[in-house]
C-alpha atoms as a PDB file:
ATOM      1  CA  MET A   1      97.405 100.658 127.592  1.00  0.00           C
ATOM      2  CA  PRO A   2      96.393  99.106 124.090  1.00  0.00           C
ATOM      3  CA  ARG A   3      97.149 100.870 121.086  1.00  0.00           C
ATOM      4  CA  TYR A   4      95.263 100.313 117.721  1.00  0.00           C
ATOM      5  CA  TYR A   5      95.978 102.359 114.462  1.00  0.00           C
ATOM      6  CA  LEU A   6      92.982 103.516 111.822  1.00  0.00           C
ATOM      7  CA  GLY A   7      93.646 103.567 108.671  1.00  0.00           C
ATOM      8  CA  VAL A   8      92.020 105.399 106.025  1.00  0.00           C
ATOM      9  CA  ASP A   9      91.282 105.456 102.181  1.00  0.00           C
ATOM     10  CA  GLY A  10      89.552 108.506 101.060  1.00  0.00           C
ATOM     11  CA  GLY A  11      87.966 108.271  97.622  1.00  0.00           C
ATOM     12  CA  GLY A  12      86.004 110.507  95.614  1.00  0.00           C
ATOM     13  CA  THR A  13      83.290 108.038  95.360  1.00  0.00           C
ATOM     14  CA  ASN A  14      83.543 106.815  99.545  1.00  0.00           C
ATOM     15  CA  CYS A  15      85.528 107.025 102.255  1.00  0.00           C
ATOM     16  CA  ARG A  16      86.736 103.516 103.948  1.00  0.00           C
ATOM     17  CA  VAL A  17      88.153 103.129 107.208  1.00  0.00           C
ATOM     18  CA  ARG A  18      89.526 100.202 109.080  1.00  0.00           C
ATOM     19  CA  LEU A  19      90.582 100.588 112.853  1.00  0.00           C
ATOM     20  CA  ALA A  20      93.436  97.565 113.625  1.00  0.00           C
ATOM     21  CA  ASN A  21      95.444  96.210 116.455  1.00  0.00           C
ATOM     22  CA  ASP A  22      98.736  96.264 117.543  1.00  0.00           C
ATOM     23  CA  GLN A  23      99.131  93.723 114.880  1.00  0.00           C
ATOM     24  CA  LEU A  24      97.544  94.990 111.980  1.00  0.00           C
ATOM     25  CA  GLU A  25      94.515  92.836 112.356  1.00  0.00           C
ATOM     26  CA  THR A  26      91.499  94.286 111.595  1.00  0.00           C
ATOM     27  CA  LEU A  27      88.795  94.609 114.337  1.00  0.00           C
ATOM     28  CA  ALA A  28      86.367  97.277 112.372  1.00  0.00           C
ATOM     29  CA  GLU A  29      85.557  98.532 108.566  1.00  0.00           C
ATOM     30  CA  VAL A  30      83.164 100.891 107.704  1.00  0.00           C
ATOM     31  CA  LYS A  31      82.404 102.969 104.551  1.00  0.00           C
ATOM     32  CA  ASN A  32      81.262 106.461 104.545  1.00  0.00           C
ATOM     33  CA  GLY A  33      80.648 109.417 102.421  1.00  0.00           C
ATOM     34  CA  ARG A  34      83.094 111.010  99.375  1.00  0.00           C
ATOM     35  CA  SER A  35      86.511 112.372 100.791  1.00  0.00           C
ATOM     36  CA  ASN A  36      88.144 114.824  98.366  1.00  0.00           C
ATOM     37  CA  LEU A  37      90.561 116.939  99.884  1.00  0.00           C
ATOM     38  CA  GLN A  38      89.690 119.279  96.860  1.00  0.00           C
ATOM     39  CA  ILE A  39      85.855 119.446  97.438  1.00  0.00           C
ATOM     40  CA  ASP A  40      84.646 122.444  99.688  1.00  0.00           C
ATOM     41  CA  GLY A  41      87.615 122.920 101.484  1.00  0.00           C
ATOM     42  CA  GLY A  42      88.168 119.057 102.353  1.00  0.00           C
ATOM     43  CA  GLU A  43      85.177 119.806 104.751  1.00  0.00           C
ATOM     44  CA  PRO A  44      83.144 116.454 103.237  1.00  0.00           C
ATOM     45  CA  ALA A  45      85.973 114.288 104.102  1.00  0.00           C
ATOM     46  CA  TYR A  46      86.649 115.922 107.566  1.00  0.00           C
ATOM     47  CA  LYS A  47      83.213 114.929 108.026  1.00  0.00           C
ATOM     48  CA  ALA A  48      83.102 111.370 106.914  1.00  0.00           C
ATOM     49  CA  ILE A  49      86.307 110.752 108.394  1.00  0.00           C
ATOM     50  CA  LEU A  50      85.192 111.767 111.391  1.00  0.00           C
ATOM     51  CA  ASP A  51      81.963 109.813 111.146  1.00  0.00           C
ATOM     52  CA  GLY A  52      83.665 106.942 110.593  1.00  0.00           C
ATOM     53  CA  THR A  53      85.382 106.722 113.279  1.00  0.00           C
ATOM     54  CA  ARG A  54      82.366 107.020 115.367  1.00  0.00           C
ATOM     55  CA  ASP A  55      81.178 104.184 112.895  1.00  0.00           C
ATOM     56  CA  VAL A  56      84.496 101.972 112.893  1.00  0.00           C
ATOM     57  CA  PHE A  57      85.058 102.096 117.528  1.00  0.00           C
ATOM     58  CA  ARG A  58      81.187 100.927 117.475  1.00  0.00           C
ATOM     59  CA  ALA A  59      81.937  98.109 115.072  1.00  0.00           C
ATOM     60  CA  ALA A  60      84.715  97.172 117.404  1.00  0.00           C
ATOM     61  CA  GLY A  61      82.738  96.980 120.121  1.00  0.00           C
ATOM     62  CA  ILE A  62      85.564  99.598 121.553  1.00  0.00           C
ATOM     63  CA  ASP A  63      84.956 102.808 123.321  1.00  0.00           C
ATOM     64  CA  TYR A  64      85.460 105.860 121.758  1.00  0.00           C
ATOM     65  CA  ALA A  65      87.898 107.712 123.954  1.00  0.00           C
ATOM     66  CA  GLU A  66      90.510 104.801 123.059  1.00  0.00           C
ATOM     67  CA  THR A  67      91.201 107.319 120.178  1.00  0.00           C
ATOM     68  CA  ALA A  68      93.766 108.738 122.501  1.00  0.00           C
ATOM     69  CA  ASN A  69      95.481 105.992 122.656  1.00  0.00           C
ATOM     70  CA  THR A  70      94.785 105.623 118.357  1.00  0.00           C
ATOM     71  CA  TYR A  71      97.213 106.442 115.556  1.00  0.00           C
ATOM     72  CA  ALA A  72      95.819 107.520 112.124  1.00  0.00           C
ATOM     73  CA  CYS A  73      96.645 107.813 108.523  1.00  0.00           C
ATOM     74  CA  PHE A  74      94.813 108.729 105.612  1.00  0.00           C
ATOM     75  CA  GLY A  75      95.289 108.160 102.050  1.00  0.00           C
ATOM     76  CA  MET A  76      93.430 110.936 100.240  1.00  0.00           C
ATOM     77  CA  ALA A  77      92.237 111.430  97.260  1.00  0.00           C
ATOM     78  CA  GLY A  78      92.843 115.215  96.312  1.00  0.00           C
ATOM     79  CA  GLY A  79      96.309 114.903  98.195  1.00  0.00           C
ATOM     80  CA  ARG A  80      98.571 115.656  95.831  1.00  0.00           C
ATOM     81  CA  MET A  81      99.133 119.503  97.211  1.00  0.00           C
ATOM     82  CA  ASP A  82     101.265 119.515 100.247  1.00  0.00           C
ATOM     83  CA  SER A  83      99.412 122.605 101.520  1.00  0.00           C
ATOM     84  CA  ALA A  84      95.900 120.736 100.896  1.00  0.00           C
ATOM     85  CA  ARG A  85      97.735 117.675 102.979  1.00  0.00           C
ATOM     86  CA  ASP A  86      99.433 120.057 105.545  1.00  0.00           C
ATOM     87  CA  ALA A  87      96.075 121.565 106.302  1.00  0.00           C
ATOM     88  CA  PHE A  88      94.075 118.554 106.668  1.00  0.00           C
ATOM     89  CA  ALA A  89      96.352 116.705 109.227  1.00  0.00           C
ATOM     90  CA  ALA A  90      96.274 120.147 111.286  1.00  0.00           C
ATOM     91  CA  ARG A  91      92.216 120.298 111.726  1.00  0.00           C
ATOM     92  CA  LYS A  92      91.387 119.010 115.064  1.00  0.00           C
ATOM     93  CA  TRP A  93      91.003 115.252 115.774  1.00  0.00           C
ATOM     94  CA  PRO A  94      90.421 113.166 118.447  1.00  0.00           C
ATOM     95  CA  PHE A  95      93.760 110.770 117.914  1.00  0.00           C
ATOM     96  CA  ALA A  96      97.825 110.426 119.008  1.00  0.00           C
ATOM     97  CA  GLY A  97      98.683 111.119 116.110  1.00  0.00           C
ATOM     98  CA  VAL A  98      97.874 111.959 112.485  1.00  0.00           C
ATOM     99  CA  LYS A  99      99.525 112.143 109.095  1.00  0.00           C
ATOM    100  CA  VAL A 100      97.833 112.907 105.751  1.00  0.00           C
ATOM    101  CA  TYR A 101      99.483 111.532 102.120  1.00  0.00           C
ATOM    102  CA  ASP A 102      98.101 111.090  98.496  1.00  0.00           C
ATOM    103  CA  ASP A 103      96.088 108.286  98.145  1.00  0.00           C
ATOM    104  CA  ILE A 104      99.094 106.975  95.997  1.00  0.00           C
ATOM    105  CA  ASP A 105     100.980 106.370  98.672  1.00  0.00           C
ATOM    106  CA  ILE A 106      98.444 104.216 100.482  1.00  0.00           C
ATOM    107  CA  ALA A 107      97.969 102.349  97.053  1.00  0.00           C
ATOM    108  CA  HIS A 108     101.847 101.590  96.621  1.00  0.00           C
ATOM    109  CA  ALA A 109     102.279 100.815 100.445  1.00  0.00           C
ATOM    110  CA  GLY A 110      99.652  98.380  99.935  1.00  0.00           C
ATOM    111  CA  ALA A 111     100.030  97.328  96.428  1.00  0.00           C
ATOM    112  CA  LEU A 112     103.666  95.911  96.812  1.00  0.00           C
ATOM    113  CA  GLY A 113     104.159  95.392 100.268  1.00  0.00           C
ATOM    114  CA  GLY A 114     106.950  97.750 101.135  1.00  0.00           C
ATOM    115  CA  ALA A 115     108.784  96.043  97.289  1.00  0.00           C
ATOM    116  CA  GLU A 116     110.227  98.476  95.070  1.00  0.00           C
ATOM    117  CA  GLY A 117     108.151  99.253  91.963  1.00  0.00           C
ATOM    118  CA  GLY A 118     104.698 101.102  90.567  1.00  0.00           C
ATOM    119  CA  VAL A 119     101.364 101.382  91.039  1.00  0.00           C
ATOM    120  CA  VAL A 120      98.267 103.323  89.813  1.00  0.00           C
ATOM    121  CA  ILE A 121      95.338 104.275  90.861  1.00  0.00           C
ATOM    122  CA  ILE A 122      92.282 104.077  87.913  1.00  0.00           C
ATOM    123  CA  GLY A 123      89.348 104.603  89.811  1.00  0.00           C
ATOM    124  CA  THR A 124      86.871 108.181  90.334  1.00  0.00           C
ATOM    125  CA  GLY A 125      90.674 109.708  89.964  1.00  0.00           C
ATOM    126  CA  SER A 126      93.666 108.399  88.662  1.00  0.00           C
ATOM    127  CA  ALA A 127      97.214 109.251  89.651  1.00  0.00           C
ATOM    128  CA  ALA A 128     100.818 107.333  89.315  1.00  0.00           C
ATOM    129  CA  MET A 129     104.000 106.248  91.399  1.00  0.00           C
ATOM    130  CA  SER A 130     106.551 104.475  91.629  1.00  0.00           C
ATOM    131  CA  ILE A 131     109.850 103.205  93.764  1.00  0.00           C
ATOM    132  CA  VAL A 132     112.899 102.709  91.810  1.00  0.00           C
ATOM    133  CA  ALA A 133     116.533 102.469  93.710  1.00  0.00           C
ATOM    134  CA  GLY A 134     115.093 104.311  96.578  1.00  0.00           C
ATOM    135  CA  LYS A 135     113.831 107.450  94.401  1.00  0.00           C
ATOM    136  CA  ARG A 136     110.121 108.293  94.429  1.00  0.00           C
ATOM    137  CA  HIS A 137     109.372 109.419  91.051  1.00  0.00           C
ATOM    138  CA  GLN A 138     105.392 110.442  91.343  1.00  0.00           C
ATOM    139  CA  ALA A 139     102.957 111.484  87.974  1.00  0.00           C
ATOM    140  CA  GLY A 140      99.809 112.682  87.471  1.00  0.00           C
ATOM    141  CA  GLY A 141      96.591 112.990  90.272  1.00  0.00           C
ATOM    142  CA  TRP A 142      96.768 116.799  89.977  1.00  0.00           C
ATOM    143  CA  GLY A 143      92.484 116.669  89.839  1.00  0.00           C
ATOM    144  CA  PHE A 144      89.627 116.780  87.972  1.00  0.00           C
ATOM    145  CA  HIS A 145      90.053 119.753  85.795  1.00  0.00           C
ATOM    146  CA  ILE A 146      93.415 119.324  84.410  1.00  0.00           C
ATOM    147  CA  GLY A 147      94.304 116.116  85.848  1.00  0.00           C
ATOM    148  CA  ASP A 148      93.163 112.326  86.461  1.00  0.00           C
ATOM    149  CA  GLN A 149      93.738 111.318  82.344  1.00  0.00           C
ATOM    150  CA  MET A 150      92.788 107.298  83.123  1.00  0.00           C
ATOM    151  CA  SER A 151      90.134 107.881  85.589  1.00  0.00           C
ATOM    152  CA  GLY A 152      86.461 107.004  85.810  1.00  0.00           C
ATOM    153  CA  ALA A 153      85.856 110.439  86.155  1.00  0.00           C
ATOM    154  CA  ILE A 154      87.265 111.517  82.983  1.00  0.00           C
ATOM    155  CA  LEU A 155      86.322 108.868  81.288  1.00  0.00           C
ATOM    156  CA  GLY A 156      82.690 109.510  82.244  1.00  0.00           C
ATOM    157  CA  ARG A 157      83.145 113.183  81.097  1.00  0.00           C
ATOM    158  CA  GLU A 158      84.175 112.263  77.835  1.00  0.00           C
ATOM    159  CA  LEU A 159      81.081 110.020  77.796  1.00  0.00           C
ATOM    160  CA  VAL A 160      78.611 112.941  78.525  1.00  0.00           C
ATOM    161  CA  ARG A 161      80.294 115.027  75.829  1.00  0.00           C
ATOM    162  CA  TYR A 162      80.722 112.626  72.764  1.00  0.00           C
ATOM    163  CA  SER A 163      76.746 112.004  74.159  1.00  0.00           C
ATOM    164  CA  VAL A 164      75.932 115.346  73.812  1.00  0.00           C
ATOM    165  CA  GLU A 165      77.943 115.624  70.491  1.00  0.00           C
ATOM    166  CA  ALA A 166      75.725 112.764  69.008  1.00  0.00           C
ATOM    167  CA  GLU A 167      72.797 113.736  70.636  1.00  0.00           C
ATOM    168  CA  ASP A 168      73.421 117.034  68.139  1.00  0.00           C
ATOM    169  CA  GLY A 169      73.927 115.018  64.819  1.00  0.00           C
ATOM    170  CA  LEU A 170      77.844 115.847  65.126  1.00  0.00           C
ATOM    171  CA  VAL A 171      78.811 112.108  65.241  1.00  0.00           C
ATOM    172  CA  ALA A 172      77.789 109.115  64.962  1.00  0.00           C
ATOM    173  CA  ALA A 173      74.774 107.993  67.725  1.00  0.00           C
ATOM    174  CA  SER A 174      74.465 104.532  69.710  1.00  0.00           C
ATOM    175  CA  PRO A 175      72.656 102.526  71.749  1.00  0.00           C
ATOM    176  CA  LEU A 176      75.496 103.940  74.836  1.00  0.00           C
ATOM    177  CA  THR A 177      75.000 107.091  73.483  1.00  0.00           C
ATOM    178  CA  LYS A 178      70.997 107.934  73.572  1.00  0.00           C
ATOM    179  CA  ALA A 179      71.257 105.226  76.908  1.00  0.00           C
ATOM    180  CA  VAL A 180      73.527 108.016  78.285  1.00  0.00           C
ATOM    181  CA  ILE A 181      71.140 111.050  77.646  1.00  0.00           C
ATOM    182  CA  ALA A 182      68.453 109.159  78.801  1.00  0.00           C
ATOM    183  CA  ALA A 183      69.648 108.974  82.004  1.00  0.00           C
ATOM    184  CA  LEU A 184      70.613 112.278  82.597  1.00  0.00           C
ATOM    185  CA  GLY A 185      67.279 113.543  81.728  1.00  0.00           C
ATOM    186  CA  GLY A 186      66.340 112.497  78.055  1.00  0.00           C
ATOM    187  CA  SER A 187      68.020 115.765  75.892  1.00  0.00           C
ATOM    188  CA  ASN A 188      71.037 117.970  75.774  1.00  0.00           C
ATOM    189  CA  GLN A 189      68.932 120.884  77.292  1.00  0.00           C
ATOM    190  CA  ALA A 190      68.394 118.265  80.590  1.00  0.00           C
ATOM    191  CA  ALA A 191      72.427 117.251  80.365  1.00  0.00           C
ATOM    192  CA  MET A 192      73.648 120.666  80.433  1.00  0.00           C
ATOM    193  CA  THR A 193      71.322 121.357  83.556  1.00  0.00           C
ATOM    194  CA  TRP A 194      72.455 118.157  85.095  1.00  0.00           C
ATOM    195  CA  ALA A 195      76.295 119.057  84.270  1.00  0.00           C
ATOM    196  CA  PHE A 196      75.862 122.511  86.116  1.00  0.00           C
ATOM    197  CA  ALA A 197      73.432 121.556  89.169  1.00  0.00           C
ATOM    198  CA  THR A 198      71.259 123.748  88.208  1.00  0.00           C
ATOM    199  CA  GLU A 199      68.214 121.898  90.120  1.00  0.00           C
ATOM    200  CA  MET A 200      70.218 121.884  93.302  1.00  0.00           C
ATOM    201  CA  ASP A 201      70.015 125.615  93.436  1.00  0.00           C
ATOM    202  CA  LEU A 202      73.485 126.047  94.648  1.00  0.00           C
ATOM    203  CA  LYS A 203      75.114 129.568  94.907  1.00  0.00           C
ATOM    204  CA  LEU A 204      78.796 131.231  94.680  1.00  0.00           C
ATOM    205  CA  LEU A 205      80.029 134.141  97.109  1.00  0.00           C
ATOM    206  CA  SER A 206      82.273 136.106  96.470  1.00  0.00           C
ATOM    207  CA  ARG A 207      84.922 136.949  99.536  1.00  0.00           C
ATOM    208  CA  ASP A 208      82.841 140.013 100.429  1.00  0.00           C
ATOM    209  CA  GLY A 209      80.140 137.398 100.857  1.00  0.00           C
ATOM    210  CA  SER A 210      77.961 139.182  97.849  1.00  0.00           C
ATOM    211  CA  GLU A 211      76.563 136.826  95.270  1.00  0.00           C
ATOM    212  CA  GLY A 212      78.373 135.324  92.012  1.00  0.00           C
ATOM    213  CA  CYS A 213      81.822 134.569  91.352  1.00  0.00           C
ATOM    214  CA  ASP A 214      83.253 135.268  87.650  1.00  0.00           C
ATOM    215  CA  ASP A 215      86.092 133.202  88.195  1.00  0.00           C
ATOM    216  CA  ALA A 216      84.122 130.166  89.707  1.00  0.00           C
ATOM    217  CA  LEU A 217      81.822 127.528  88.262  1.00  0.00           C
ATOM    218  CA  ILE A 218      79.563 125.306  89.830  1.00  0.00           C
ATOM    219  CA  GLY A 219      79.365 122.269  88.511  1.00  0.00           C
ATOM    220  CA  ARG A 220      79.153 118.174  88.512  1.00  0.00           C
ATOM    221  CA  ALA A 221      81.292 116.740  91.421  1.00  0.00           C
ATOM    222  CA  PRO A 222      84.189 113.906  89.930  1.00  0.00           C
ATOM    223  CA  GLY A 223      82.353 111.146  91.181  1.00  0.00           C
ATOM    224  CA  GLU A 224      79.117 112.107  89.650  1.00  0.00           C
ATOM    225  CA  PHE A 225      80.560 111.444  86.130  1.00  0.00           C
ATOM    226  CA  GLY A 226      82.036 108.461  87.593  1.00  0.00           C
ATOM    227  CA  LYS A 227      79.095 106.432  88.457  1.00  0.00           C
ATOM    228  CA  LEU A 228      78.596 106.455  84.460  1.00  0.00           C
ATOM    229  CA  MET A 229      81.342 103.633  84.513  1.00  0.00           C
ATOM    230  CA  PRO A 230      78.638 100.831  85.135  1.00  0.00           C
ATOM    231  CA  LEU A 231      76.436 101.999  82.353  1.00  0.00           C
ATOM    232  CA  TRP A 232      79.543 102.042  79.766  1.00  0.00           C
ATOM    233  CA  PHE A 233      80.946  98.305  81.147  1.00  0.00           C
ATOM    234  CA  GLU A 234      77.498  97.566  80.062  1.00  0.00           C
ATOM    235  CA  TYR A 235      77.470  98.776  76.592  1.00  0.00           C
ATOM    236  CA  LEU A 236      81.085  97.687  75.855  1.00  0.00           C
ATOM    237  CA  GLU A 237      79.742  94.214  76.812  1.00  0.00           C
ATOM    238  CA  LYS A 238      77.291  94.393  73.945  1.00  0.00           C
ATOM    239  CA  ASP A 239      80.284  96.015  71.480  1.00  0.00           C
ATOM    240  CA  ASP A 240      78.663  99.052  71.076  1.00  0.00           C
ATOM    241  CA  PRO A 241      80.959 100.985  69.077  1.00  0.00           C
ATOM    242  CA  VAL A 242      81.096 104.282  70.967  1.00  0.00           C
ATOM    243  CA  ALA A 243      81.964 102.293  74.171  1.00  0.00           C
ATOM    244  CA  ALA A 244      84.665 100.605  72.036  1.00  0.00           C
ATOM    245  CA  ARG A 245      86.086 104.416  70.997  1.00  0.00           C
ATOM    246  CA  MET A 246      85.890 105.145  75.139  1.00  0.00           C
ATOM    247  CA  LEU A 247      88.142 101.998  75.730  1.00  0.00           C
ATOM    248  CA  ASP A 248      90.901 102.770  73.238  1.00  0.00           C
ATOM    249  CA  ILE A 249      90.765 106.909  74.900  1.00  0.00           C
ATOM    250  CA  GLU A 250      91.134 104.895  78.063  1.00  0.00           C
ATOM    251  CA  MET A 251      93.635 102.544  77.105  1.00  0.00           C
ATOM    252  CA  GLY A 252      95.356 105.276  75.022  1.00  0.00           C
ATOM    253  CA  TYR A 253      95.792 106.847  78.538  1.00  0.00           C
ATOM    254  CA  ILE A 254      97.562 104.197  80.460  1.00  0.00           C
ATOM    255  CA  ASP A 255      99.786 103.888  78.126  1.00  0.00           C
ATOM    256  CA  THR A 256     100.932 106.734  78.284  1.00  0.00           C
ATOM    257  CA  TYR A 257     101.777 105.903  82.072  1.00  0.00           C
ATOM    258  CA  VAL A 258     103.585 102.318  81.455  1.00  0.00           C
ATOM    259  CA  ASN A 259     106.465 104.698  78.938  1.00  0.00           C
ATOM    260  CA  TRP A 260     106.915 106.776  82.033  1.00  0.00           C
ATOM    261  CA  PHE A 261     107.613 103.909  84.286  1.00  0.00           C
ATOM    262  CA  LYS A 262     109.441 101.658  81.683  1.00  0.00           C
ATOM    263  CA  GLY A 263     111.073 105.140  81.350  1.00  0.00           C
ATOM    264  CA  HIS A 264     112.696 104.869  84.671  1.00  0.00           C
ATOM    265  CA  GLY A 265     113.157 102.006  85.264  1.00  0.00           C
ATOM    266  CA  ALA A 266     109.990 100.263  87.015  1.00  0.00           C
ATOM    267  CA  LYS A 267     109.561  96.566  86.668  1.00  0.00           C
ATOM    268  CA  VAL A 268     105.832  96.078  87.593  1.00  0.00           C
ATOM    269  CA  MET A 269     102.850  98.235  87.807  1.00  0.00           C
ATOM    270  CA  ALA A 270     100.358  97.375  90.099  1.00  0.00           C
ATOM    271  CA  ILE A 271      96.925  98.782  88.753  1.00  0.00           C
ATOM    272  CA  VAL A 272      95.027  99.815  91.785  1.00  0.00           C
ATOM    273  CA  GLY A 273      91.403 101.009  92.283  1.00  0.00           C
ATOM    274  CA  GLY A 274      88.080  99.741  90.582  1.00  0.00           C
ATOM    275  CA  LEU A 275      88.262 101.091  87.429  1.00  0.00           C
ATOM    276  CA  GLY A 276      91.743  99.489  86.726  1.00  0.00           C
ATOM    277  CA  GLN A 277      90.858  96.487  88.279  1.00  0.00           C
ATOM    278  CA  ARG A 278      88.040  95.894  85.803  1.00  0.00           C
ATOM    279  CA  LEU A 279      90.281  96.436  82.775  1.00  0.00           C
ATOM    280  CA  PHE A 280      93.095  94.214  84.156  1.00  0.00           C
ATOM    281  CA  PRO A 281      92.753  91.257  81.816  1.00  0.00           C
ATOM    282  CA  ASN A 282      92.920  94.059  78.406  1.00  0.00           C
ATOM    283  CA  LEU A 283      96.086  95.455  80.356  1.00  0.00           C
ATOM    284  CA  GLN A 284      97.443  92.127  81.119  1.00  0.00           C
ATOM    285  CA  ARG A 285      97.217  91.457  77.085  1.00  0.00           C
ATOM    286  CA  LEU A 286      98.832  94.209  76.316  1.00  0.00           C
ATOM    287  CA  TYR A 287     101.655  94.162  78.862  1.00  0.00           C
ATOM    288  CA  GLY A 288     102.038  90.845  80.425  1.00  0.00           C
ATOM    289  CA  ASP A 289     103.697  90.198  83.556  1.00  0.00           C
ATOM    290  CA  PHE A 290     104.641  94.195  83.528  1.00  0.00           C
ATOM    291  CA  VAL A 291     101.422  94.352  85.345  1.00  0.00           C
ATOM    292  CA  ALA A 292     100.006  92.916  88.587  1.00  0.00           C
ATOM    293  CA  LEU A 293      96.986  93.051  91.016  1.00  0.00           C
ATOM    294  CA  PRO A 294      97.772  94.489  94.345  1.00  0.00           C
ATOM    295  CA  LYS A 295      99.038  92.057  97.009  1.00  0.00           C
ATOM    296  CA  TYR A 296      96.855  94.114  99.602  1.00  0.00           C
ATOM    297  CA  GLU A 297      94.576  96.921  99.166  1.00  0.00           C
ATOM    298  CA  PRO A 298      95.113 100.490  99.723  1.00  0.00           C
ATOM    299  CA  LEU A 299      93.369 100.705 103.059  1.00  0.00           C
ATOM    300  CA  HIS A 300      95.676  98.133 104.461  1.00  0.00           C
ATOM    301  CA  GLY A 301      98.686 100.308 103.158  1.00  0.00           C
ATOM    302  CA  ALA A 302      97.006 103.034 105.364  1.00  0.00           C
ATOM    303  CA  VAL A 303      97.292 101.357 108.531  1.00  0.00           C
ATOM    304  CA  ILE A 304     100.569  99.515 107.467  1.00  0.00           C
ATOM    305  CA  LEU A 305     101.865 103.334 107.019  1.00  0.00           C
ATOM    306  CA  ALA A 306      99.698 104.065 110.496  1.00  0.00           C
ATOM    307  CA  ARG A 307     102.293 101.729 112.588  1.00  0.00           C
ATOM    308  CA  GLN A 308     105.668 102.563 110.152  1.00  0.00           C
ATOM    309  CA  ASN A 309     105.496 106.319 111.077  1.00  0.00           C
ATOM    310  CA  PHE A 310     103.911 105.986 114.695  1.00  0.00           C
ATOM    311  CA  ALA A 311     105.274 102.454 115.987  1.00  0.00           C
ATOM    312  CA  SER A 312     107.770 104.595 117.750  1.00  0.00           C
ATOM    313  CA  ASN A 313     105.737 106.836 119.889  1.00  0.00           C
END
C-alpha cells in the first residue's frame, strides 16, 4: 500500500500544498487562498487546505481516496496559540493523520535541515524560533494586532500611517507617500474607507445575533497591508526618503531579534519569507555569517515533519 506525505505552508497571503511520496520526492504542488488561523476562526484556512488537497491530488494524477493513506503536517500563520492549533487539528480531515504546527516550526525544519540554530520568518507575518543545546526558544508571532513587528503587514501599516500624516501636512511627503495615497483611492478619506473595508459592506454580529459589537472592529486583513511591499521596494530603489525611513524601522525590529538570538547562544539566524529574503543583502552587510539563507523552504520542512511524526504509523 503506498504511503504519502502532505505538507502545508499556510501563510497570511496564500496557502501552498505539496504532496510527496515515502522518499519525500515531490509529486505535485499547488497554491490556494490565504490561511491564517486567526482569521474567521480558521474557516478560510480550512477551505484553502481542503481545496488545495483536491487540487494537488488531481495534479499528481492520484485518486483522492488515497488521502486515507496520507499523513499531513500543516505549518500555519496564526498558529502561535496552542488552542488554535488543537482546534484546527480536530476538524474533519480526510487524512490518516494530521499534525498542526506554528509556521515557524516548518520554517526551522526546512531552513536548518535538522541542525540547531535560529530562524526568523519575515513575510506577511513574522516570528522567531531557535533550538540551542536541545532547548526550544520562541518569540514573536503573536499576530498583526499585538506582534509581528518585522512583518510586511506591520511595515505596510506604518507606511500607510505615515502617508496619511504626510497628506495631512503633519510630516514631510515624498513620491512614495503620494503613491500610497493614490493606491488607496486618492485621499485620506478614501484611505480610511479602505482601512475599515467599508465598501465590502461587512457586518459584525453579537453573540445574541444582533447587529453590532462594541468590543470588535472590522478592518483590512494583514495581507492587504503586506501588498504594499512591492510599492515600497520600488521607491526604495529610487532613494525615496520615506522608503529609507521605513527601512530603518524594519532593520531596527530585526536587530532586536538578532540580539535575542545571540543572547541565548544561537550561532546562525536563517532568513525565511519573501520580505526577509529581499532584505538579505542588507542583513548580510550588517551581520555577516550570522545570517544565512535557508537550506530548504518551509513547505519542504512541513513534509519532513509529516514523516517524522508519522513514520512509525
